C-alpha atoms as a PDB file:
ATOM      1  CA  MET A   1      13.282  10.271  -3.492  1.00  0.00           C
ATOM      2  CA  SER A   2      15.290   8.144  -0.915  1.00  0.00           C
ATOM      3  CA  ASP A   3      15.097   4.334  -0.379  1.00  0.00           C
ATOM      4  CA  VAL A   4      13.018   4.827   2.742  1.00  0.00           C
ATOM      5  CA  PRO A   5       9.289   4.918   2.008  1.00  0.00           C
ATOM      6  CA  ASN A   6       7.200   8.027   2.984  1.00  0.00           C
ATOM      7  CA  ILE A   7       4.659   7.105   5.715  1.00  0.00           C
ATOM      8  CA  ALA A   8       1.394   8.098   4.096  1.00  0.00           C
ATOM      9  CA  GLN A   9      -0.487   7.541   7.491  1.00  0.00           C
ATOM     10  CA  LYS A  10       0.114   5.503  10.543  1.00  0.00           C
ATOM     11  CA  ALA A  11      -3.183   3.420  10.128  1.00  0.00           C
ATOM     12  CA  PRO A  12      -4.459   1.119   7.506  1.00  0.00           C
ATOM     13  CA  PHE A  13      -6.490   2.076   4.582  1.00  0.00           C
ATOM     14  CA  PRO A  14      -9.748   0.035   4.603  1.00  0.00           C
ATOM     15  CA  VAL A  15     -10.871  -0.673   1.009  1.00  0.00           C
ATOM     16  CA  GLU A  16     -13.844  -2.704  -0.328  1.00  0.00           C
ATOM     17  CA  VAL A  17     -11.953  -4.884  -2.798  1.00  0.00           C
ATOM     18  CA  GLU A  18     -13.857  -6.913  -5.370  1.00  0.00           C
ATOM     19  CA  ALA A  19     -13.208 -10.781  -6.014  1.00  0.00           C
ATOM     20  CA  GLY A  20     -10.717 -11.269  -8.989  1.00  0.00           C
ATOM     21  CA  LYS A  21      -9.858  -7.661  -9.295  1.00  0.00           C
ATOM     22  CA  THR A  22      -6.196  -6.485  -9.118  1.00  0.00           C
ATOM     23  CA  TYR A  23      -5.012  -3.551  -7.388  1.00  0.00           C
ATOM     24  CA  PHE A  24      -1.454  -1.933  -7.394  1.00  0.00           C
ATOM     25  CA  TRP A  25      -0.574  -0.694  -3.756  1.00  0.00           C
ATOM     26  CA  CYS A  26       1.693   2.248  -3.568  1.00  0.00           C
ATOM     27  CA  SER A  27       5.180   1.115  -1.819  1.00  0.00           C
ATOM     28  CA  CYS A  28       6.828   4.654  -1.914  1.00  0.00           C
ATOM     29  CA  GLY A  29       4.103   6.563   0.131  1.00  0.00           C
ATOM     30  CA  GLN A  30       4.355   9.573  -2.411  1.00  0.00           C
ATOM     31  CA  SER A  31       1.132   8.570  -4.321  1.00  0.00           C
ATOM     32  CA  LYS A  32      -1.840  11.200  -4.137  1.00  0.00           C
ATOM     33  CA  SER A  33      -4.157   8.293  -4.645  1.00  0.00           C
ATOM     34  CA  GLN A  34      -3.267   6.251  -1.475  1.00  0.00           C
ATOM     35  CA  PRO A  35      -3.224   3.379  -0.914  1.00  0.00           C
ATOM     36  CA  PHE A  36      -2.830   2.836  -4.605  1.00  0.00           C
ATOM     37  CA  CYS A  37       0.021   3.784  -7.098  1.00  0.00           C
ATOM     38  CA  ASP A  38      -0.207   6.805  -9.151  1.00  0.00           C
ATOM     39  CA  GLY A  39       3.191   6.515 -10.704  1.00  0.00           C
ATOM     40  CA  SER A  40       4.785   9.051  -8.283  1.00  0.00           C
ATOM     41  CA  HIS A  41       7.609   6.354  -7.593  1.00  0.00           C
ATOM     42  CA  LYS A  42       9.154   6.827 -11.089  1.00  0.00           C
ATOM     43  CA  GLY A  43      12.848   7.573 -10.779  1.00  0.00           C
ATOM     44  CA  SER A  44      13.263   5.628  -7.696  1.00  0.00           C
ATOM     45  CA  SER A  45      13.844   2.130  -6.522  1.00  0.00           C
ATOM     46  CA  PHE A  46      10.203   1.732  -5.436  1.00  0.00           C
ATOM     47  CA  VAL A  47       7.721  -0.385  -7.529  1.00  0.00           C
ATOM     48  CA  PRO A  48       3.789  -0.941  -6.731  1.00  0.00           C
ATOM     49  CA  THR A  49       2.826  -4.195  -5.193  1.00  0.00           C
ATOM     50  CA  LYS A  50       0.271  -6.239  -7.150  1.00  0.00           C
ATOM     51  CA  PHE A  51      -2.706  -7.458  -5.018  1.00  0.00           C
ATOM     52  CA  THR A  52      -5.458  -9.700  -6.385  1.00  0.00           C
ATOM     53  CA  ALA A  53      -8.408 -10.032  -4.179  1.00  0.00           C
ATOM     54  CA  GLU A  54      -9.519 -13.637  -3.856  1.00  0.00           C
ATOM     55  CA  THR A  55     -12.907 -12.556  -2.225  1.00  0.00           C
ATOM     56  CA  SER A  56     -15.020  -9.651  -2.353  1.00  0.00           C
ATOM     57  CA  LYS A  57     -14.480  -8.027   1.272  1.00  0.00           C
ATOM     58  CA  THR A  58     -12.806  -5.211   3.053  1.00  0.00           C
ATOM     59  CA  ALA A  59      -9.185  -5.380   2.737  1.00  0.00           C
ATOM     60  CA  TYR A  60      -6.784  -3.168   5.008  1.00  0.00           C
ATOM     61  CA  PHE A  61      -3.916  -1.827   2.934  1.00  0.00           C
ATOM     62  CA  CYS A  62      -0.811  -0.683   4.768  1.00  0.00           C
ATOM     63  CA  GLY A  63      -0.594   3.189   5.238  1.00  0.00           C
ATOM     64  CA  CYS A  64       2.680   3.347   6.981  1.00  0.00           C
ATOM     65  CA  LYS A  65       4.483   1.404   3.995  1.00  0.00           C
ATOM     66  CA  ASN A  66       6.434  -0.831   6.593  1.00  0.00           C
ATOM     67  CA  SER A  67       4.401  -3.841   6.682  1.00  0.00           C
ATOM     68  CA  LYS A  68       6.196  -7.270   6.366  1.00  0.00           C
ATOM     69  CA  ASN A  69       2.966  -8.595   4.852  1.00  0.00           C
ATOM     70  CA  GLY A  70       3.166  -6.996   1.403  1.00  0.00           C
ATOM     71  CA  ALA A  71       0.370  -4.577   0.517  1.00  0.00           C
ATOM     72  CA  LEU A  72      -1.763  -5.490   3.588  1.00  0.00           C
ATOM     73  CA  CYS A  73      -1.516  -4.130   6.981  1.00  0.00           C
ATOM     74  CA  ASP A  74       0.487  -6.225   9.672  1.00  0.00           C
ATOM     75  CA  GLY A  75       0.217  -3.817  12.567  1.00  0.00           C
ATOM     76  CA  SER A  76       3.706  -2.168  12.061  1.00  0.00           C
ATOM     77  CA  HIS A  77       2.141   1.226  12.179  1.00  0.00           C
ATOM     78  CA  SER A  78       1.814   0.647  16.035  1.00  0.00           C
ATOM     79  CA  LYS A  79       5.608   0.540  16.323  1.00  0.00           C
ATOM     80  CA  LEU A  80       6.486   3.726  14.672  1.00  0.00           C
END
């Protein structure tokens, strides 16, 4: 696996998150459980990003793996 993440999709993943619950976002793009980590990064320089929901809501997790906003979409997919 290279040091460039795989683009899982060129759109965010909308997910209903629960206040106080912790989620681990896949940063490598290889996970079969997108947008969350399934351990596929093992042996690479990638690590999952921890996200703890402050409120229960729909969160938009980055699908292109290029967000400068950590696990959450910042619109970077529109520039790919």
